[in-house]
Amino acid sequence: MKAINLEKMLPADIPPGEKILWFGRPEPVSFWRHAYRADWIAGYFVLLAAWNCTSAAIDSGPLAATIVTLKTLGLGAAALTLMAILAWLGARTTLYVITSRRLVMKVGIALQIFYNVPFTQIGSAALRGYSDGTGDIPVALIGGQRIAYLSLWPHAKPFRFTKPEPALRCVANAREIAEILAQALSAAAGEPLNAAAPAKPAHTDPAYAATATA
């Protein structure tokens, strides 16, 4: 596994005998909501606005409460707008590729980095589906392989700091993509596909379901 800076991306530099099975990028709205935690941030500002409104109403009356509430909600809207721009740029500049031999991730907005992860370094893959049909597909690395969490974020399984897991984040048709990856891992390992994978439908959230083991 290595991080490499290139000017071109797959499929232009596919070696002979290797096939592209799928390529795509995060769905921007889902990326904003789940990778950048927009839902949590929105909820935080709503609760903060309610608290500030109540406090201001008790201390200074309804006019002050209205003003402070609008200010708080305005700050929240500005924060969510900034995050939406970052999520859109992040999704637009990201490319995930599954081939018959490896997983490749092009990530980064200002400085783009390519992570090349051969199937021989992937121990297992999993699926986390969201209600909108998108989902995350993290992969667990084996053999002492490790990529720093901060260099991967947000393309990593959330909160897995000690053993970071690269992840295809917020991809559309996540269940179908997970099945493609599962079949590719099984084929690369010379084993039949595990009939139990994935066990849960794509709309289940937040459970992760194993899809394949190399």
Protein backbone atom coordinates (compact mmCIF):
# COMPACT_ATOMS: atom_id res chain seq x y z
CA MET A 1 0.00 0.00 0.00
CA LYS A 2 1.35 3.43 -0.83
CA ALA A 3 0.28 7.04 -1.27
CA ILE A 4 1.35 8.45 -4.62
CA ASN A 5 0.88 11.79 -6.33
CA LEU A 6 0.01 11.40 -10.01
CA GLU A 7 -1.41 13.63 -12.70
CA LYS A 8 -3.56 10.91 -14.20
CA MET A 9 -5.96 8.46 -12.66
CA LEU A 10 -7.44 5.16 -13.63
CA PRO A 11 -8.47 3.86 -16.10
CA ALA A 12 -5.67 5.44 -18.16
CA ASP A 13 -2.89 3.62 -16.30
CA ILE A 14 -4.49 0.21 -15.76
CA PRO A 15 -1.89 -2.57 -16.22
CA PRO A 16 -2.59 -5.37 -18.70
CA GLY A 17 -4.85 -8.07 -17.27
CA GLU A 18 -6.44 -5.79 -14.67
CA LYS A 19 -10.08 -4.79 -15.10
CA ILE A 20 -12.04 -1.84 -13.73
CA LEU A 21 -15.14 -3.19 -12.00
CA TRP A 22 -16.56 0.11 -10.74
CA PHE A 23 -15.64 3.74 -10.26
CA GLY A 24 -17.50 6.66 -8.74
CA ARG A 25 -17.48 9.37 -6.10
CA PRO A 26 -19.45 10.41 -3.01
CA GLU A 27 -22.98 11.72 -3.42
CA PRO A 28 -22.62 15.40 -2.35
CA VAL A 29 -25.73 15.77 -0.16
CA SER A 30 -25.10 12.50 1.66
CA PHE A 31 -21.42 13.43 1.98
CA TRP A 32 -22.44 16.72 3.58
CA ARG A 33 -24.88 15.10 5.96
CA HIS A 34 -22.91 12.04 7.03
CA ALA A 35 -19.21 12.72 6.47
CA TYR A 36 -19.35 16.38 7.53
CA ARG A 37 -22.03 15.72 10.17
CA ALA A 38 -24.35 18.44 8.89
CA ASP A 39 -27.36 16.89 10.65
CA TRP A 40 -25.58 17.00 14.01
CA ILE A 41 -24.38 20.57 13.45
CA ALA A 42 -27.88 21.69 12.49
CA GLY A 43 -29.33 20.04 15.59
CA TYR A 44 -26.69 21.70 17.77
CA PHE A 45 -27.51 25.18 16.48
CA VAL A 46 -31.25 24.58 16.87
CA LEU A 47 -30.76 23.58 20.50
CA LEU A 48 -28.38 26.50 21.05
CA ALA A 49 -30.91 28.90 19.53
CA ALA A 50 -33.66 27.54 21.79
CA TRP A 51 -31.44 27.93 24.85
CA ASN A 52 -30.38 31.46 23.92
CA CYS A 53 -33.98 32.42 23.14
CA THR A 54 -35.22 31.18 26.51
CA SER A 55 -32.41 32.87 28.42
CA ALA A 56 -32.81 36.18 26.57
CA ALA A 57 -36.60 36.13 26.98
CA ILE A 58 -36.25 35.69 30.75
CA ASP A 59 -33.54 38.32 31.11
CA SER A 60 -34.45 40.96 28.51
CA GLY A 61 -37.83 40.26 26.97
CA PRO A 62 -39.19 38.94 23.68
CA LEU A 63 -37.45 41.44 21.36
CA ALA A 64 -34.00 40.53 22.65
CA ALA A 65 -34.93 36.86 22.47
CA THR A 66 -35.91 37.23 18.81
CA ILE A 67 -32.67 39.03 17.95
CA VAL A 68 -30.40 36.52 19.67
CA THR A 69 -32.29 33.62 18.13
CA LEU A 70 -31.90 35.03 14.63
CA LYS A 71 -28.20 35.64 15.23
CA THR A 72 -27.67 32.09 16.43
CA LEU A 73 -29.58 30.58 13.53
CA GLY A 74 -27.68 32.85 11.13
CA LEU A 75 -24.36 31.55 12.45
CA GLY A 76 -25.64 28.02 12.07
CA ALA A 77 -26.75 28.66 8.49
CA ALA A 78 -23.34 30.14 7.67
CA ALA A 79 -21.55 27.14 9.16
CA LEU A 80 -23.75 24.69 7.26
CA THR A 81 -23.26 26.62 4.03
CA LEU A 82 -19.47 26.51 4.42
CA MET A 83 -19.64 22.78 5.14
CA ALA A 84 -21.87 22.27 2.09
CA ILE A 85 -19.29 23.98 -0.12
CA LEU A 86 -16.50 21.83 1.30
CA ALA A 87 -18.59 18.69 0.88
CA TRP A 88 -19.40 19.56 -2.73
CA LEU A 89 -15.75 20.25 -3.51
CA GLY A 90 -14.69 17.10 -1.68
CA ALA A 91 -17.16 14.95 -3.58
CA ARG A 92 -16.27 16.54 -6.91
CA THR A 93 -12.52 15.99 -6.47
CA THR A 94 -12.79 12.45 -5.08
CA LEU A 95 -12.65 9.32 -7.19
CA TYR A 96 -13.02 5.75 -5.94
CA VAL A 97 -12.02 2.85 -8.19
CA ILE A 98 -12.47 -0.88 -7.65
CA THR A 99 -10.46 -3.07 -9.99
CA SER A 100 -10.00 -6.82 -10.14
CA ARG A 101 -6.84 -6.45 -8.01
CA ARG A 102 -7.07 -3.35 -5.83
CA LEU A 103 -8.93 -0.41 -4.41
CA VAL A 104 -7.77 3.04 -5.46
CA MET A 105 -8.84 6.29 -3.81
CA LYS A 106 -8.11 9.75 -5.16
CA VAL A 107 -8.79 12.21 -2.34
CA GLY A 108 -8.02 15.80 -1.42
CA ILE A 109 -9.33 19.19 -2.53
CA ALA A 110 -6.20 21.36 -2.72
CA LEU A 111 -3.57 18.59 -2.76
CA GLN A 112 -4.75 15.36 -4.31
CA ILE A 113 -3.30 12.09 -3.07
CA PHE A 114 -3.81 8.62 -4.49
CA TYR A 115 -4.08 5.64 -2.17
CA ASN A 116 -3.41 2.32 -3.85
CA VAL A 117 -4.63 -0.61 -1.70
CA PRO A 118 -4.07 -4.09 -3.19
CA PHE A 119 -6.60 -6.73 -2.21
CA THR A 120 -3.80 -8.69 -0.54
CA GLN A 121 -3.68 -5.94 2.10
CA ILE A 122 -7.44 -5.90 2.74
CA GLY A 123 -8.63 -8.23 5.48
CA SER A 124 -12.34 -7.50 5.22
CA ALA A 125 -14.90 -5.03 3.92
CA ALA A 126 -18.17 -3.85 5.43
CA LEU A 127 -21.31 -1.95 4.51
CA ARG A 128 -23.14 0.81 6.33
CA GLY A 129 -26.28 1.91 4.54
CA TYR A 130 -28.28 5.12 4.92
CA SER A 131 -31.99 5.69 4.38
CA ASP A 132 -31.40 7.61 1.12
CA GLY A 133 -29.77 4.59 -0.54
CA THR A 134 -26.21 5.84 -0.15
CA GLY A 135 -23.73 4.20 2.19
CA ASP A 136 -20.18 3.74 3.43
CA ILE A 137 -17.93 0.80 2.57
CA PRO A 138 -14.92 0.68 4.91
CA VAL A 139 -12.10 -1.84 4.48
CA ALA A 140 -9.94 -3.25 7.28
CA LEU A 141 -6.23 -3.44 6.52
CA ILE A 142 -4.00 -6.37 7.47
CA GLY A 143 -0.31 -7.14 7.69
CA GLY A 144 0.58 -4.06 9.73
CA GLN A 145 -0.64 -1.73 6.99
CA ARG A 146 -1.83 1.64 8.25
CA ILE A 147 -2.82 5.02 6.84
CA ALA A 148 -3.02 7.99 9.21
CA TYR A 149 -6.61 8.85 10.08
CA LEU A 150 -6.13 12.58 9.50
CA SER A 151 -4.70 12.03 6.03
CA LEU A 152 -7.70 9.86 5.14
CA TRP A 153 -10.50 11.91 6.70
CA PRO A 154 -13.29 12.10 5.72
CA HIS A 155 -12.65 9.00 3.60
CA ALA A 156 -12.33 6.75 6.64
CA LYS A 157 -14.59 4.83 8.95
CA PRO A 158 -15.65 7.38 11.59
CA PHE A 159 -13.88 7.39 14.97
CA ARG A 160 -11.58 4.46 14.12
CA PHE A 161 -8.43 6.30 15.21
CA THR A 162 -6.06 3.55 16.35
CA LYS A 163 -6.65 1.32 13.33
CA PRO A 164 -7.94 3.61 10.58
CA GLU A 165 -10.02 1.98 7.86
CA PRO A 166 -10.17 3.59 4.41
CA ALA A 167 -13.78 3.90 3.27
CA LEU A 168 -15.81 4.65 0.20
CA ARG A 169 -17.99 7.31 1.79
CA CYS A 170 -21.59 8.12 0.92
CA VAL A 171 -21.64 6.35 -2.45
CA ALA A 172 -24.92 5.84 -4.27
CA ASN A 173 -26.18 2.25 -4.67
CA ALA A 174 -23.90 1.27 -1.82
CA ARG A 175 -25.21 -2.28 -1.52
CA GLU A 176 -24.49 -3.09 -5.15
CA ILE A 177 -20.99 -1.60 -4.86
CA ALA A 178 -20.34 -3.59 -1.68
CA GLU A 179 -21.32 -6.75 -3.55
CA ILE A 180 -18.94 -5.88 -6.39
CA LEU A 181 -16.11 -5.41 -3.90
CA ALA A 182 -17.04 -8.60 -2.04
CA GLN A 183 -16.97 -10.63 -5.25
CA ALA A 184 -13.66 -9.07 -6.29
CA LEU A 185 -12.06 -9.83 -2.91
CA SER A 186 -13.29 -13.41 -3.00
CA ALA A 187 -12.10 -13.90 -6.57
CA ALA A 188 -8.68 -12.44 -5.75
CA ALA A 189 -8.40 -14.77 -2.75
CA GLY A 190 -9.48 -17.75 -4.84
CA GLU A 191 -12.44 -18.42 -2.57
CA PRO A 192 -16.21 -18.60 -3.21
CA LEU A 193 -18.22 -15.55 -2.15
CA ASN A 194 -19.52 -15.75 1.41
CA ALA A 195 -23.24 -16.40 1.02
CA ALA A 196 -23.99 -14.50 4.22
CA ALA A 197 -22.70 -11.17 2.95
CA PRO A 198 -23.96 -8.56 3.21
CA ALA A 199 -26.52 -9.58 5.79
CA LYS A 200 -28.46 -6.33 6.24
CA PRO A 201 -30.31 -4.21 3.69
CA ALA A 202 -28.74 -0.98 2.53
CA HIS A 203 -31.19 1.20 4.44
CA THR A 204 -30.13 -0.13 7.83
CA ASP A 205 -28.40 2.60 9.78
CA PRO A 206 -26.07 2.62 11.68
CA ALA A 207 -25.11 -1.09 11.78
CA TYR A 208 -22.14 -2.32 9.76
CA ALA A 209 -22.51 -5.69 8.05
CA ALA A 210 -19.55 -7.71 6.83
CA THR A 211 -19.39 -8.13 3.07
CA ALA A 212 -16.27 -10.17 2.42
CA THR A 213 -13.09 -11.47 3.92
CA ALA A 214 -9.96 -11.94 1.87
